[in-house]
């Protein structure tokens, strides 16, 4: 089973998007499916290609539709795709809104490559746990797949969230 994560980068600054791509290429096990420069086009892309995307690296402040509005629209459409929002403002209210929408981690600019890697690896861990549970269910019908809360509990037990950028 191929467990490479497919990632969509949503970032309006081409230089920053390029840096995200370089970070992901160094990590291996990640496939960048697209880079989109605004929230509206990203929303439409995700709605058309949702099954081909495992994680969205999402800039918060973008033209056409900001990252928070885009994620709210996805959740209204019952799309539970994993998202790592990236913001330049460490605003507790915005971060709280993102957390309530089911994000695993977030990044506050400026951040180090190590912090970026930590956030992505946290999502990869959840992805692999979820994928292995689905594979087990296919072969052992009587075994239950862990729900999102159990995965989040196990995930945070091993990798607690840090509230400050590195």
N, C-alpha and C. Protein backbone atom coordinates (compact mmCIF):
# COMPACT_ATOMS: atom_id res chain seq x y z
N UNK A 1 0.85 -1.18 0.00
CA UNK A 1 0.00 0.00 0.00
C UNK A 1 0.89 1.24 0.00
N UNK A 2 0.64 2.15 -0.89
CA UNK A 2 1.39 3.39 -0.99
C UNK A 2 0.81 4.39 0.01
N UNK A 3 1.63 4.79 0.98
CA UNK A 3 1.16 5.72 2.00
C UNK A 3 1.70 7.13 1.80
N UNK A 4 2.18 7.45 0.60
CA UNK A 4 2.61 8.82 0.34
C UNK A 4 1.42 9.75 0.42
N UNK A 5 1.62 10.86 1.13
CA UNK A 5 0.55 11.85 1.26
C UNK A 5 0.55 12.77 0.05
N UNK A 6 -0.65 13.07 -0.41
CA UNK A 6 -0.82 13.99 -1.53
C UNK A 6 -1.20 15.35 -0.95
N UNK A 7 -0.40 16.37 -1.30
CA UNK A 7 -0.54 17.67 -0.65
C UNK A 7 -0.87 18.76 -1.66
N UNK A 8 -1.82 19.61 -1.27
CA UNK A 8 -2.16 20.81 -2.02
C UNK A 8 -1.61 22.00 -1.24
N UNK A 9 -0.85 22.85 -1.92
CA UNK A 9 -0.33 24.07 -1.31
C UNK A 9 -1.19 25.24 -1.80
N UNK A 10 -1.75 25.98 -0.85
CA UNK A 10 -2.56 27.16 -1.18
C UNK A 10 -1.84 28.37 -0.59
N UNK A 11 -1.18 29.13 -1.47
CA UNK A 11 -0.33 30.24 -1.04
C UNK A 11 -0.25 31.25 -2.16
N UNK A 12 -0.54 32.52 -1.83
CA UNK A 12 -0.54 33.56 -2.87
C UNK A 12 0.84 34.14 -3.16
N UNK A 13 1.82 33.89 -2.31
CA UNK A 13 3.18 34.38 -2.54
C UNK A 13 3.99 33.25 -3.19
N UNK A 14 4.41 33.42 -4.46
CA UNK A 14 5.12 32.36 -5.16
C UNK A 14 6.41 31.92 -4.47
N UNK A 15 7.12 32.86 -3.85
CA UNK A 15 8.36 32.50 -3.17
C UNK A 15 8.09 31.61 -1.96
N UNK A 16 7.07 31.95 -1.19
CA UNK A 16 6.71 31.16 -0.02
C UNK A 16 6.22 29.78 -0.46
N UNK A 17 5.41 29.71 -1.50
CA UNK A 17 4.95 28.42 -2.03
C UNK A 17 6.14 27.56 -2.45
N UNK A 18 7.13 28.18 -3.07
CA UNK A 18 8.33 27.45 -3.50
C UNK A 18 9.08 26.89 -2.29
N UNK A 19 9.18 27.67 -1.23
CA UNK A 19 9.85 27.20 -0.01
C UNK A 19 9.11 26.01 0.58
N UNK A 20 7.78 26.09 0.61
CA UNK A 20 6.98 24.95 1.11
C UNK A 20 7.27 23.70 0.28
N UNK A 21 7.35 23.87 -1.03
CA UNK A 21 7.64 22.74 -1.92
C UNK A 21 9.01 22.15 -1.60
N UNK A 22 10.01 23.00 -1.40
CA UNK A 22 11.36 22.51 -1.08
C UNK A 22 11.36 21.74 0.24
N UNK A 23 10.69 22.27 1.24
CA UNK A 23 10.61 21.58 2.53
C UNK A 23 9.99 20.19 2.37
N UNK A 24 8.91 20.12 1.61
CA UNK A 24 8.22 18.84 1.42
C UNK A 24 9.06 17.86 0.62
N UNK A 25 9.78 18.34 -0.38
CA UNK A 25 10.63 17.46 -1.18
C UNK A 25 11.76 16.87 -0.33
N UNK A 26 12.27 17.63 0.62
CA UNK A 26 13.31 17.12 1.51
C UNK A 26 12.78 16.03 2.44
N UNK A 27 11.52 16.11 2.81
CA UNK A 27 10.94 15.14 3.73
C UNK A 27 10.67 13.78 3.07
N UNK A 28 10.51 13.75 1.78
CA UNK A 28 10.14 12.53 1.04
C UNK A 28 8.71 12.14 1.43
N UNK A 29 8.22 11.04 0.91
CA UNK A 29 6.89 10.51 1.22
C UNK A 29 5.74 11.48 1.00
N UNK A 30 5.99 12.55 0.25
CA UNK A 30 4.94 13.53 -0.02
C UNK A 30 4.91 13.84 -1.50
N UNK A 31 3.71 13.94 -2.03
CA UNK A 31 3.52 14.28 -3.43
C UNK A 31 2.70 15.57 -3.49
N UNK A 32 3.25 16.59 -4.13
CA UNK A 32 2.54 17.85 -4.27
C UNK A 32 1.65 17.75 -5.50
N UNK A 33 0.34 17.81 -5.29
CA UNK A 33 -0.59 17.64 -6.40
C UNK A 33 -0.85 18.94 -7.14
N UNK A 34 -0.75 20.08 -6.43
CA UNK A 34 -0.98 21.38 -7.06
C UNK A 34 -0.56 22.49 -6.11
N UNK A 35 -0.31 23.65 -6.70
CA UNK A 35 -0.08 24.87 -5.94
C UNK A 35 -1.08 25.89 -6.49
N UNK A 36 -1.90 26.44 -5.61
CA UNK A 36 -2.95 27.37 -6.01
C UNK A 36 -2.77 28.66 -5.24
N UNK A 37 -3.00 29.81 -5.91
CA UNK A 37 -2.66 31.10 -5.31
C UNK A 37 -3.81 31.88 -4.71
N UNK A 38 -4.99 31.27 -4.58
CA UNK A 38 -6.09 31.98 -3.91
C UNK A 38 -7.09 30.97 -3.36
N UNK A 39 -7.86 31.42 -2.37
CA UNK A 39 -8.78 30.53 -1.67
C UNK A 39 -9.95 30.04 -2.50
N UNK A 40 -10.48 30.88 -3.37
CA UNK A 40 -11.63 30.48 -4.18
C UNK A 40 -11.27 29.36 -5.15
N UNK A 41 -10.17 29.53 -5.88
CA UNK A 41 -9.74 28.47 -6.80
C UNK A 41 -9.39 27.19 -6.04
N UNK A 42 -8.79 27.35 -4.85
CA UNK A 42 -8.44 26.18 -4.04
C UNK A 42 -9.70 25.44 -3.60
N UNK A 43 -10.71 26.18 -3.16
CA UNK A 43 -11.97 25.55 -2.75
C UNK A 43 -12.56 24.74 -3.90
N UNK A 44 -12.62 25.35 -5.07
CA UNK A 44 -13.18 24.66 -6.24
C UNK A 44 -12.34 23.44 -6.61
N UNK A 45 -11.03 23.55 -6.53
CA UNK A 45 -10.14 22.43 -6.84
C UNK A 45 -10.37 21.28 -5.86
N UNK A 46 -10.44 21.61 -4.59
CA UNK A 46 -10.65 20.58 -3.57
C UNK A 46 -12.00 19.89 -3.78
N UNK A 47 -13.03 20.64 -4.10
CA UNK A 47 -14.35 20.04 -4.31
C UNK A 47 -14.34 19.07 -5.51
N UNK A 48 -13.52 19.36 -6.51
CA UNK A 48 -13.43 18.48 -7.69
C UNK A 48 -12.48 17.30 -7.48
N UNK A 49 -11.44 17.49 -6.66
CA UNK A 49 -10.37 16.50 -6.54
C UNK A 49 -10.15 16.03 -5.11
N UNK A 50 -11.14 16.09 -4.29
CA UNK A 50 -11.00 15.79 -2.87
C UNK A 50 -10.36 14.44 -2.58
N UNK A 51 -10.73 13.44 -3.34
CA UNK A 51 -10.18 12.10 -3.10
C UNK A 51 -8.71 11.99 -3.46
N UNK A 52 -8.17 12.98 -4.16
CA UNK A 52 -6.77 12.97 -4.58
C UNK A 52 -5.89 13.82 -3.66
N UNK A 53 -6.44 14.35 -2.58
CA UNK A 53 -5.69 15.24 -1.68
C UNK A 53 -5.82 14.72 -0.25
N UNK A 54 -4.67 14.63 0.43
CA UNK A 54 -4.67 14.18 1.83
C UNK A 54 -4.46 15.33 2.81
N UNK A 55 -3.79 16.39 2.35
CA UNK A 55 -3.45 17.49 3.24
C UNK A 55 -3.39 18.79 2.44
N UNK A 56 -3.88 19.86 3.06
CA UNK A 56 -3.80 21.20 2.46
C UNK A 56 -2.93 22.07 3.36
N UNK A 57 -1.86 22.62 2.77
CA UNK A 57 -1.05 23.64 3.45
C UNK A 57 -1.71 24.97 3.03
N UNK A 58 -2.33 25.66 3.98
CA UNK A 58 -3.25 26.75 3.66
C UNK A 58 -2.83 28.09 4.25
N UNK A 59 -2.45 29.03 3.38
CA UNK A 59 -2.21 30.39 3.83
C UNK A 59 -3.54 30.99 4.28
N UNK A 60 -3.53 31.78 5.32
CA UNK A 60 -4.78 32.35 5.84
C UNK A 60 -5.18 33.60 5.07
N UNK A 61 -4.23 34.51 4.85
CA UNK A 61 -4.54 35.78 4.19
C UNK A 61 -4.24 35.69 2.70
N UNK A 62 -5.32 35.55 1.90
CA UNK A 62 -5.19 35.38 0.46
C UNK A 62 -6.29 36.16 -0.25
N UNK A 63 -6.07 36.39 -1.55
CA UNK A 63 -7.12 37.07 -2.33
C UNK A 63 -8.31 36.14 -2.60
N UNK A 64 -9.41 36.75 -2.94
CA UNK A 64 -10.68 36.10 -3.34
C UNK A 64 -11.42 35.43 -2.19
N UNK A 65 -10.71 34.65 -1.38
CA UNK A 65 -11.34 33.93 -0.27
C UNK A 65 -10.24 33.58 0.71
N UNK A 66 -10.32 34.08 1.96
CA UNK A 66 -9.23 33.78 2.88
C UNK A 66 -9.31 32.34 3.37
N UNK A 67 -8.24 31.91 4.00
CA UNK A 67 -8.13 30.51 4.41
C UNK A 67 -9.20 30.06 5.38
N UNK A 68 -9.55 30.91 6.34
CA UNK A 68 -10.58 30.55 7.31
C UNK A 68 -11.94 30.40 6.63
N UNK A 69 -12.28 31.35 5.76
CA UNK A 69 -13.55 31.25 5.03
C UNK A 69 -13.59 30.01 4.15
N UNK A 70 -12.45 29.70 3.51
CA UNK A 70 -12.40 28.52 2.65
C UNK A 70 -12.63 27.25 3.46
N UNK A 71 -11.97 27.15 4.62
CA UNK A 71 -12.13 25.96 5.44
C UNK A 71 -13.56 25.83 5.96
N UNK A 72 -14.18 26.95 6.34
CA UNK A 72 -15.59 26.91 6.76
C UNK A 72 -16.48 26.37 5.65
N UNK A 73 -16.25 26.82 4.41
CA UNK A 73 -17.04 26.33 3.27
C UNK A 73 -16.83 24.83 3.07
N UNK A 74 -15.58 24.37 3.20
CA UNK A 74 -15.32 22.93 3.05
C UNK A 74 -16.07 22.14 4.11
N UNK A 75 -16.05 22.61 5.34
CA UNK A 75 -16.74 21.88 6.41
C UNK A 75 -18.25 21.91 6.20
N UNK A 76 -18.78 23.02 5.67
CA UNK A 76 -20.21 23.08 5.35
C UNK A 76 -20.57 22.06 4.28
N UNK A 77 -19.63 21.76 3.41
CA UNK A 77 -19.82 20.74 2.37
C UNK A 77 -19.50 19.34 2.88
N UNK A 78 -19.26 19.23 4.19
CA UNK A 78 -18.94 17.97 4.85
C UNK A 78 -17.61 17.39 4.40
N UNK A 79 -16.69 18.24 3.97
CA UNK A 79 -15.36 17.81 3.56
C UNK A 79 -14.44 17.92 4.77
N UNK A 80 -13.89 16.80 5.21
CA UNK A 80 -13.06 16.76 6.42
C UNK A 80 -11.57 16.64 6.10
N UNK A 81 -11.15 17.18 4.98
CA UNK A 81 -9.74 17.12 4.57
C UNK A 81 -8.85 17.74 5.65
N UNK A 82 -7.66 17.18 5.83
CA UNK A 82 -6.70 17.71 6.80
C UNK A 82 -6.10 19.00 6.29
N UNK A 83 -5.95 19.97 7.20
CA UNK A 83 -5.47 21.30 6.83
C UNK A 83 -4.46 21.79 7.87
N UNK A 84 -3.38 22.39 7.38
CA UNK A 84 -2.46 23.12 8.24
C UNK A 84 -2.53 24.58 7.81
N UNK A 85 -3.22 25.43 8.57
CA UNK A 85 -3.26 26.85 8.23
C UNK A 85 -1.95 27.54 8.62
N UNK A 86 -1.58 28.54 7.82
CA UNK A 86 -0.38 29.33 8.08
C UNK A 86 -0.80 30.79 8.13
N UNK A 87 -0.45 31.46 9.23
CA UNK A 87 -0.84 32.85 9.41
C UNK A 87 0.34 33.68 9.90
N UNK A 88 0.31 34.95 9.59
CA UNK A 88 1.35 35.87 10.06
C UNK A 88 0.97 36.50 11.40
N UNK A 89 -0.28 36.34 11.80
CA UNK A 89 -0.77 36.97 13.01
C UNK A 89 -1.12 35.89 14.03
N UNK A 90 -0.50 35.95 15.19
CA UNK A 90 -0.78 34.99 16.25
C UNK A 90 -2.01 35.45 17.02
N UNK A 91 -3.17 35.29 16.40
CA UNK A 91 -4.45 35.75 16.93
C UNK A 91 -5.19 34.55 17.52
N UNK A 92 -5.38 34.56 18.83
CA UNK A 92 -6.00 33.42 19.51
C UNK A 92 -7.41 33.13 19.00
N UNK A 93 -8.18 34.15 18.66
CA UNK A 93 -9.54 33.93 18.19
C UNK A 93 -9.54 33.18 16.85
N UNK A 94 -8.69 33.62 15.92
CA UNK A 94 -8.61 32.95 14.62
C UNK A 94 -8.12 31.52 14.78
N UNK A 95 -7.09 31.34 15.58
CA UNK A 95 -6.56 30.00 15.80
C UNK A 95 -7.62 29.11 16.44
N UNK A 96 -8.37 29.65 17.37
CA UNK A 96 -9.45 28.90 18.01
C UNK A 96 -10.51 28.50 16.99
N UNK A 97 -10.85 29.41 16.09
CA UNK A 97 -11.82 29.08 15.04
C UNK A 97 -11.31 27.95 14.17
N UNK A 98 -10.04 28.00 13.80
CA UNK A 98 -9.46 26.91 13.01
C UNK A 98 -9.50 25.60 13.78
N UNK A 99 -9.15 25.64 15.06
CA UNK A 99 -9.15 24.42 15.88
C UNK A 99 -10.56 23.82 15.94
N UNK A 100 -11.57 24.67 16.06
CA UNK A 100 -12.95 24.20 16.08
C UNK A 100 -13.38 23.58 14.76
N UNK A 101 -12.65 23.89 13.69
CA UNK A 101 -12.95 23.32 12.38
C UNK A 101 -12.15 22.05 12.12
N UNK A 102 -11.42 21.58 13.13
CA UNK A 102 -10.80 20.27 13.05
C UNK A 102 -9.38 20.22 12.50
N UNK A 103 -8.63 21.31 12.62
CA UNK A 103 -7.24 21.24 12.16
C UNK A 103 -6.40 20.45 13.16
N UNK A 104 -5.29 19.93 12.71
CA UNK A 104 -4.40 19.17 13.57
C UNK A 104 -3.32 20.08 14.15
N UNK A 105 -2.86 21.01 13.34
CA UNK A 105 -1.78 21.91 13.74
C UNK A 105 -1.89 23.18 12.91
N UNK A 106 -1.15 24.20 13.31
CA UNK A 106 -1.11 25.46 12.57
C UNK A 106 0.29 26.03 12.70
N UNK A 107 0.63 26.93 11.80
CA UNK A 107 1.94 27.58 11.82
C UNK A 107 1.77 29.09 11.84
N UNK A 108 2.57 29.75 12.66
CA UNK A 108 2.58 31.21 12.72
C UNK A 108 3.91 31.68 12.14
N UNK A 109 3.82 32.55 11.13
CA UNK A 109 5.04 33.08 10.49
C UNK A 109 5.71 34.07 11.42
N UNK A 110 7.01 34.14 11.42
CA UNK A 110 7.93 33.25 10.71
C UNK A 110 8.09 31.95 11.50
N UNK A 111 8.34 30.87 10.80
CA UNK A 111 8.56 29.58 11.44
C UNK A 111 9.77 28.92 10.79
N UNK A 112 10.38 28.02 11.52
CA UNK A 112 11.56 27.32 11.03
C UNK A 112 11.15 26.12 10.18
N UNK A 113 12.10 25.60 9.43
CA UNK A 113 11.84 24.39 8.67
C UNK A 113 11.51 23.24 9.61
N UNK A 114 12.17 23.21 10.75
CA UNK A 114 11.90 22.16 11.73
C UNK A 114 10.44 22.21 12.20
N UNK A 115 9.93 23.42 12.45
CA UNK A 115 8.54 23.56 12.89
C UNK A 115 7.58 23.16 11.78
N UNK A 116 7.88 23.54 10.54
CA UNK A 116 7.08 23.14 9.39
C UNK A 116 7.04 21.62 9.30
N UNK A 117 8.22 21.01 9.40
CA UNK A 117 8.32 19.55 9.31
C UNK A 117 7.51 18.88 10.42
N UNK A 118 7.56 19.44 11.63
CA UNK A 118 6.81 18.88 12.75
C UNK A 118 5.31 18.88 12.46
N UNK A 119 4.80 19.97 11.93
CA UNK A 119 3.37 20.06 11.63
C UNK A 119 2.98 19.05 10.55
N UNK A 120 3.78 18.96 9.51
CA UNK A 120 3.48 18.03 8.42
C UNK A 120 3.58 16.59 8.89
N UNK A 121 4.59 16.30 9.71
CA UNK A 121 4.75 14.93 10.21
C UNK A 121 3.60 14.54 11.14
N UNK A 122 3.07 15.49 11.88
CA UNK A 122 1.91 15.23 12.73
C UNK A 122 0.73 14.78 11.85
N UNK A 123 0.54 15.48 10.75
CA UNK A 123 -0.55 15.11 9.83
C UNK A 123 -0.27 13.78 9.17
N UNK A 124 0.99 13.53 8.83
CA UNK A 124 1.35 12.25 8.22
C UNK A 124 1.06 11.11 9.18
N UNK A 125 1.36 11.30 10.46
CA UNK A 125 1.09 10.27 11.45
C UNK A 125 -0.41 9.95 11.51
N UNK A 126 -1.23 10.99 11.54
CA UNK A 126 -2.68 10.77 11.55
C UNK A 126 -3.12 10.06 10.27
N UNK A 127 -2.57 10.48 9.13
CA UNK A 127 -2.90 9.87 7.85
C UNK A 127 -2.55 8.38 7.84
N UNK A 128 -1.35 8.05 8.31
CA UNK A 128 -0.92 6.65 8.31
C UNK A 128 -1.75 5.82 9.28
N UNK A 129 -2.07 6.39 10.45
CA UNK A 129 -2.91 5.67 11.40
C UNK A 129 -4.29 5.41 10.80
N UNK A 130 -4.85 6.42 10.15
CA UNK A 130 -6.17 6.29 9.54
C UNK A 130 -6.11 5.29 8.39
N UNK A 131 -5.08 5.38 7.55
CA UNK A 131 -4.95 4.48 6.40
C UNK A 131 -4.75 3.04 6.84
N UNK A 132 -3.93 2.82 7.86
CA UNK A 132 -3.72 1.45 8.32
C UNK A 132 -4.99 0.89 8.94
N UNK A 133 -5.78 1.73 9.60
CA UNK A 133 -7.05 1.26 10.14
C UNK A 133 -8.02 0.87 9.03
N UNK A 134 -8.05 1.65 7.95
CA UNK A 134 -8.92 1.31 6.83
C UNK A 134 -8.47 0.00 6.19
N UNK A 135 -7.16 -0.18 6.03
CA UNK A 135 -6.64 -1.42 5.45
C UNK A 135 -6.99 -2.61 6.33
N UNK A 136 -6.85 -2.45 7.65
CA UNK A 136 -7.20 -3.54 8.56
C UNK A 136 -8.68 -3.89 8.46
N UNK A 137 -9.52 -2.85 8.34
CA UNK A 137 -10.96 -3.09 8.25
C UNK A 137 -11.31 -3.87 6.99
N UNK A 138 -10.62 -3.60 5.91
CA UNK A 138 -10.88 -4.32 4.67
C UNK A 138 -10.58 -5.80 4.83
N UNK A 139 -9.53 -6.13 5.60
CA UNK A 139 -9.14 -7.53 5.75
C UNK A 139 -9.76 -8.20 6.96
N UNK A 140 -10.13 -7.43 7.95
CA UNK A 140 -10.74 -7.97 9.16
C UNK A 140 -12.01 -7.18 9.44
N UNK A 141 -13.09 -7.61 8.86
CA UNK A 141 -14.36 -6.87 8.94
C UNK A 141 -14.83 -6.65 10.37
N UNK A 142 -14.52 -7.54 11.28
CA UNK A 142 -15.04 -7.39 12.63
C UNK A 142 -14.29 -6.33 13.44
N UNK A 143 -13.17 -5.89 12.96
CA UNK A 143 -12.40 -4.89 13.69
C UNK A 143 -12.86 -3.48 13.34
N UNK A 144 -13.05 -2.64 14.31
CA UNK A 144 -13.56 -1.28 14.08
C UNK A 144 -12.42 -0.33 13.71
N UNK A 145 -12.72 0.62 12.82
CA UNK A 145 -11.77 1.67 12.47
C UNK A 145 -11.83 2.72 13.56
N UNK A 146 -10.70 3.19 14.00
CA UNK A 146 -10.66 4.24 15.02
C UNK A 146 -11.29 5.51 14.48
N UNK A 147 -12.13 6.13 15.26
CA UNK A 147 -12.73 7.38 14.81
C UNK A 147 -11.73 8.53 14.97
N UNK A 148 -12.08 9.67 14.44
CA UNK A 148 -11.17 10.82 14.44
C UNK A 148 -10.74 11.20 15.85
N UNK A 149 -11.65 11.12 16.82
CA UNK A 149 -11.30 11.50 18.18
C UNK A 149 -10.25 10.56 18.77
N UNK A 150 -10.38 9.27 18.50
CA UNK A 150 -9.39 8.32 19.00
C UNK A 150 -8.04 8.57 18.34
N UNK A 151 -8.05 8.82 17.04
CA UNK A 151 -6.80 9.11 16.34
C UNK A 151 -6.18 10.37 16.90
N UNK A 152 -6.98 11.42 17.07
CA UNK A 152 -6.45 12.67 17.63
C UNK A 152 -5.89 12.43 19.03
N UNK A 153 -6.58 11.64 19.84
CA UNK A 153 -6.09 11.36 21.19
C UNK A 153 -4.74 10.66 21.13
N UNK A 154 -4.63 9.62 20.31
CA UNK A 154 -3.37 8.90 20.19
C UNK A 154 -2.29 9.79 19.60
N UNK A 155 -2.65 10.60 18.65
CA UNK A 155 -1.71 11.49 17.99
C UNK A 155 -1.14 12.50 18.99
N UNK A 156 -2.00 13.16 19.75
CA UNK A 156 -1.56 14.19 20.68
C UNK A 156 -0.82 13.60 21.88
N UNK A 157 -1.10 12.35 22.20
CA UNK A 157 -0.39 11.70 23.29
C UNK A 157 1.09 11.55 22.93
N UNK A 158 1.36 11.30 21.65
CA UNK A 158 2.73 11.11 21.20
C UNK A 158 3.40 12.40 20.73
N UNK A 159 2.60 13.33 20.23
CA UNK A 159 3.14 14.57 19.69
C UNK A 159 2.27 15.73 20.12
N UNK A 160 2.45 16.24 21.36
CA UNK A 160 1.58 17.32 21.82
C UNK A 160 1.73 18.57 20.97
N UNK A 161 0.62 19.30 20.80
CA UNK A 161 0.64 20.55 20.05
C UNK A 161 1.46 21.59 20.79
N UNK A 162 2.18 22.39 20.04
CA UNK A 162 2.90 23.53 20.62
C UNK A 162 2.16 24.78 20.17
N UNK A 163 1.93 25.66 21.09
CA UNK A 163 1.15 26.85 20.76
C UNK A 163 1.99 28.00 20.27
N UNK A 164 3.30 27.87 20.28
CA UNK A 164 4.15 28.96 19.82
C UNK A 164 4.99 28.51 18.65
N UNK A 165 5.30 29.45 17.78
CA UNK A 165 6.13 29.14 16.63
C UNK A 165 7.58 29.03 17.06
N UNK A 166 8.34 28.18 16.36
CA UNK A 166 9.77 28.03 16.67
C UNK A 166 10.57 28.99 15.86
